[in-house]
């Protein structure tokens, strides 16, 4: 694997990957250069699935939501969560990103597995 990349983890606490991509509060963005972490930042992410703003019967704003998400991870090579929908997964791929659905809860452990080329993409967890 390339030892230079940037990755965004969907998280609520900066420590663990969050089970629902759309409901995560943040992206923990980590930049790796020559195999070493050179920067780490937390980016606030809008919650499009709060009870006040999300209507499961109305999906007309998904394109707009996907573009907002993309603007937050545009500089990242990988976008990782413990679960995500088919729509955002396919959208990220169409934009040249590599989304990964992981069962690894700890961000540090997932990052290590990613660096070693051992982070498995659990596409069966897409919904």
Protein backbone atom coordinates (compact mmCIF):
# COMPACT_ATOMS: atom_id res chain seq x y z
CA UNK A 1 0.00 0.00 0.00
CA UNK A 2 1.05 3.57 -0.62
CA UNK A 3 2.55 4.99 2.57
CA UNK A 4 1.20 8.49 1.79
CA UNK A 5 -2.54 9.00 2.15
CA UNK A 6 -5.30 10.80 4.00
CA UNK A 7 -8.22 8.98 5.61
CA UNK A 8 -11.52 10.17 7.13
CA UNK A 9 -13.12 8.06 9.86
CA UNK A 10 -16.81 8.59 10.71
CA UNK A 11 -16.84 8.92 14.50
CA UNK A 12 -18.63 10.43 17.47
CA UNK A 13 -15.64 10.48 19.80
CA UNK A 14 -12.44 10.49 17.75
CA UNK A 15 -11.54 7.06 19.13
CA UNK A 16 -14.01 4.61 17.57
CA UNK A 17 -15.57 4.19 14.17
CA UNK A 18 -19.28 4.94 14.25
CA UNK A 19 -21.83 2.35 13.16
CA UNK A 20 -23.95 4.71 11.06
CA UNK A 21 -22.06 6.91 8.61
CA UNK A 22 -24.93 9.38 8.20
CA UNK A 23 -25.39 9.89 11.94
CA UNK A 24 -21.73 10.35 12.89
CA UNK A 25 -20.92 13.74 14.42
CA UNK A 26 -17.41 14.07 13.02
CA UNK A 27 -14.82 12.95 10.57
CA UNK A 28 -11.50 12.19 12.23
CA UNK A 29 -9.10 12.98 9.39
CA UNK A 30 -5.62 11.51 9.60
CA UNK A 31 -2.81 12.21 7.15
CA UNK A 32 -0.04 9.66 6.81
CA UNK A 33 3.25 10.40 5.07
CA UNK A 34 6.03 7.86 4.71
CA UNK A 35 4.06 5.59 7.04
CA UNK A 36 3.89 8.15 9.88
CA UNK A 37 0.96 10.24 11.07
CA UNK A 38 1.77 13.86 10.27
CA UNK A 39 -1.60 15.46 11.04
CA UNK A 40 -4.91 14.70 12.66
CA UNK A 41 -7.99 16.89 12.75
CA UNK A 42 -11.65 16.56 13.66
CA UNK A 43 -14.14 17.96 11.16
CA UNK A 44 -17.72 18.61 12.22
CA UNK A 45 -20.24 16.75 10.09
CA UNK A 46 -23.90 17.70 9.77
CA UNK A 47 -26.37 15.13 11.06
CA UNK A 48 -28.82 14.63 8.23
CA UNK A 49 -30.69 11.93 10.13
CA UNK A 50 -31.94 13.79 13.19
CA UNK A 51 -35.62 13.33 13.89
CA UNK A 52 -36.26 16.96 12.95
CA UNK A 53 -34.58 16.96 9.55
CA UNK A 54 -34.87 13.48 8.09
CA UNK A 55 -37.92 12.06 6.43
CA UNK A 56 -37.44 8.44 5.37
CA UNK A 57 -40.09 8.85 2.70
CA UNK A 58 -38.38 11.81 1.06
CA UNK A 59 -35.01 11.22 -0.54
CA UNK A 60 -34.88 14.23 -2.86
CA UNK A 61 -32.09 15.92 -0.92
CA UNK A 62 -29.68 12.97 -1.01
CA UNK A 63 -27.65 14.45 -3.88
CA UNK A 64 -27.24 17.70 -1.93
CA UNK A 65 -26.31 15.79 1.24
CA UNK A 66 -23.79 13.68 -0.65
CA UNK A 67 -22.16 16.81 -2.04
CA UNK A 68 -21.91 18.33 1.44
CA UNK A 69 -20.30 15.13 2.76
CA UNK A 70 -17.95 15.06 -0.21
CA UNK A 71 -16.84 18.64 0.47
CA UNK A 72 -15.68 17.50 3.93
CA UNK A 73 -13.62 14.55 2.65
CA UNK A 74 -12.61 15.78 -0.80
CA UNK A 75 -8.93 15.79 0.20
CA UNK A 76 -9.08 12.22 1.57
CA UNK A 77 -8.24 8.99 -0.21
CA UNK A 78 -10.26 6.72 2.11
CA UNK A 79 -13.55 7.20 3.97
CA UNK A 80 -14.15 4.64 6.71
CA UNK A 81 -17.20 3.84 8.86
CA UNK A 82 -18.65 0.84 10.64
CA UNK A 83 -21.76 1.07 8.44
CA UNK A 84 -23.11 3.17 5.58
CA UNK A 85 -25.76 3.21 2.90
CA UNK A 86 -25.36 2.08 -0.68
CA UNK A 87 -26.05 5.60 -1.94
CA UNK A 88 -23.16 7.37 -0.24
CA UNK A 89 -20.88 4.38 -0.81
CA UNK A 90 -21.47 4.48 -4.58
CA UNK A 91 -21.28 8.27 -4.63
CA UNK A 92 -17.87 8.28 -2.94
CA UNK A 93 -16.59 5.70 -5.42
CA UNK A 94 -17.87 7.83 -8.31
CA UNK A 95 -15.79 10.72 -6.91
CA UNK A 96 -12.61 8.62 -6.79
CA UNK A 97 -12.68 7.91 -3.06
CA UNK A 98 -12.32 4.47 -1.49
CA UNK A 99 -15.07 3.94 1.08
CA UNK A 100 -14.50 1.11 3.53
CA UNK A 101 -17.03 -0.46 5.89
CA UNK A 102 -15.11 -1.95 8.78
CA UNK A 103 -15.85 -4.10 11.79
CA UNK A 104 -12.76 -2.67 13.53
CA UNK A 105 -14.09 -0.34 16.22
CA UNK A 106 -10.85 1.37 17.27
CA UNK A 107 -9.62 4.03 14.83
CA UNK A 108 -5.95 3.46 15.69
CA UNK A 109 -6.30 -0.28 15.02
CA UNK A 110 -8.20 0.32 11.78
CA UNK A 111 -5.51 2.76 10.65
CA UNK A 112 -2.79 0.20 11.35
CA UNK A 113 -4.70 -2.45 9.39
CA UNK A 114 -5.19 0.02 6.53
CA UNK A 115 -1.46 0.77 6.45
CA UNK A 116 -0.70 -2.97 6.37
CA UNK A 117 -3.25 -3.55 3.61
CA UNK A 118 -5.28 -5.78 5.94
CA UNK A 119 -8.40 -3.66 6.53
CA UNK A 120 -11.23 -5.72 5.06
CA UNK A 121 -14.12 -3.93 3.37
CA UNK A 122 -17.34 -5.48 4.76
CA UNK A 123 -19.67 -4.53 1.92
CA UNK A 124 -22.23 -6.97 3.34
CA UNK A 125 -22.83 -4.29 6.02
CA UNK A 126 -24.04 -1.77 3.43
CA UNK A 127 -27.71 -0.88 3.78
